[in-house]
Amino acid sequence: MGGIIHVVQLSFKPEVDSKKIDELTAGLAALKDQCVHPSTGDLYVQSVRVGADNSIERFQNGFTHMMVMEFKSSEDRDYYVKSDPAHLAFVAGLLPSVKGLQVLDIDA
């Protein structure tokens, strides 16, 4: 099977200031350099892009930020989502600031 594109859409609670949002989005981007494959010891996230929405279409449904991450395989994605300690720790710190969250994955 081919790679996986992992898309996360976020909106933040009104009380979360722009400095905190910048820290959190930088933390999302940094996961690429923190997630280590358990059997190889290598970094396994292929690519990450994170940013604030700038669409003119007006179909954001309240989401303000997006992350797009690419994995070589569904197995790598599954490890990232379910078991990677760097990801799980980051998510635990992220969720208190999040108002809305949506995740979609597609084949690369």
Protein backbone atom coordinates (compact mmCIF):
# COMPACT_ATOMS: atom_id res chain seq x y z
CA MET A 1 0.00 0.00 0.00
CA GLY A 2 1.12 3.57 -0.69
CA GLY A 3 1.51 6.51 1.58
CA ILE A 4 -1.07 8.30 3.68
CA ILE A 5 -1.93 12.00 3.81
CA HIS A 6 -3.14 12.96 7.31
CA VAL A 7 -5.12 16.23 7.50
CA VAL A 8 -6.03 17.91 10.80
CA GLN A 9 -8.28 20.97 10.93
CA LEU A 10 -8.44 23.02 14.12
CA SER A 11 -10.19 25.94 15.71
CA PHE A 12 -9.08 27.40 19.00
CA LYS A 13 -11.09 28.54 22.00
CA PRO A 14 -11.71 32.32 22.04
CA GLU A 15 -9.58 32.82 25.14
CA VAL A 16 -6.48 31.33 23.47
CA ASP A 17 -4.31 34.23 22.36
CA SER A 18 -2.31 34.44 19.13
CA LYS A 19 1.01 33.81 20.90
CA LYS A 20 -0.29 30.51 22.29
CA ILE A 21 -1.72 29.55 18.88
CA ASP A 22 1.68 30.26 17.30
CA GLU A 23 3.36 28.05 19.92
CA LEU A 24 0.90 25.24 19.31
CA THR A 25 1.18 25.36 15.53
CA ALA A 26 4.98 25.42 15.81
CA GLY A 27 4.69 22.37 18.06
CA LEU A 28 2.64 20.59 15.42
CA ALA A 29 5.30 21.32 12.81
CA ALA A 30 8.06 20.16 15.17
CA LEU A 31 6.52 16.69 15.47
CA LYS A 32 8.28 15.78 12.20
CA ASP A 33 11.60 15.99 14.06
CA GLN A 34 10.35 14.33 17.26
CA CYS A 35 8.50 11.22 16.10
CA VAL A 36 10.84 8.23 16.05
CA HIS A 37 9.91 4.85 14.60
CA PRO A 38 9.99 2.22 17.37
CA SER A 39 11.71 -0.52 15.38
CA THR A 40 14.21 1.52 13.31
CA GLY A 41 14.92 4.47 15.58
CA ASP A 42 14.53 6.73 12.55
CA LEU A 43 12.31 9.76 12.06
CA TYR A 44 9.32 8.53 10.07
CA VAL A 45 7.05 11.49 9.33
CA GLN A 46 7.69 12.26 5.66
CA SER A 47 6.46 15.87 5.61
CA VAL A 48 4.44 18.39 7.63
CA ARG A 49 2.78 21.66 6.69
CA VAL A 50 0.93 23.76 9.25
CA GLY A 51 -0.73 27.13 8.93
CA ALA A 52 -3.64 29.48 9.36
CA ASP A 53 -6.46 29.29 6.85
CA ASN A 54 -6.44 31.82 4.03
CA SER A 55 -9.20 30.45 1.79
CA ILE A 56 -11.55 32.91 0.11
CA GLU A 57 -14.32 30.31 -0.33
CA ARG A 58 -16.01 30.78 3.07
CA PHE A 59 -16.55 27.06 3.71
CA GLN A 60 -14.26 26.81 6.75
CA ASN A 61 -17.11 25.95 9.13
CA GLY A 62 -15.26 27.62 11.98
CA PHE A 63 -11.89 25.92 11.41
CA THR A 64 -8.99 28.36 11.42
CA HIS A 65 -5.82 26.24 11.10
CA MET A 66 -4.73 23.13 9.27
CA MET A 67 -1.95 20.58 9.37
CA VAL A 68 -1.12 18.23 6.50
CA MET A 69 1.23 15.37 7.31
CA GLU A 70 2.48 12.58 5.07
CA PHE A 71 3.42 9.06 6.10
CA LYS A 72 5.09 6.35 4.02
CA SER A 73 2.51 3.76 5.09
CA SER A 74 -0.73 3.27 6.96
CA GLU A 75 1.27 1.35 9.57
CA ASP A 76 3.38 4.45 10.25
CA ARG A 77 0.23 6.58 10.50
CA ASP A 78 -1.37 4.07 12.85
CA TYR A 79 1.68 4.08 15.13
CA TYR A 80 1.71 7.89 15.10
CA VAL A 81 -1.97 8.17 16.02
CA LYS A 82 -2.19 5.38 18.58
CA SER A 83 1.25 4.99 20.17
CA ASP A 84 3.89 7.61 19.38
CA PRO A 85 4.82 9.18 22.74
CA ALA A 86 5.82 12.53 21.19
CA HIS A 87 2.46 12.80 19.39
CA LEU A 88 0.40 11.67 22.37
CA ALA A 89 2.16 14.12 24.71
CA PHE A 90 1.66 16.97 22.26
CA VAL A 91 -2.04 16.17 21.81
CA ALA A 92 -2.55 16.13 25.60
CA GLY A 93 -1.18 19.68 25.76
CA LEU A 94 -3.06 20.83 22.65
CA LEU A 95 -6.58 19.67 23.44
CA PRO A 96 -7.30 22.12 26.30
CA SER A 97 -6.89 24.98 23.79
CA VAL A 98 -8.98 23.43 21.02
CA LYS A 99 -12.58 24.37 20.29
CA GLY A 100 -12.97 22.22 17.16
CA LEU A 101 -11.01 19.36 15.66
CA GLN A 102 -11.47 17.36 12.51
CA VAL A 103 -9.17 14.68 11.08
CA LEU A 104 -9.28 13.09 7.64
CA ASP A 105 -6.81 10.73 5.99
CA ILE A 106 -6.48 9.79 2.33
CA ASP A 107 -4.16 7.59 0.29
CA ALA A 108 -1.23 9.52 -1.09
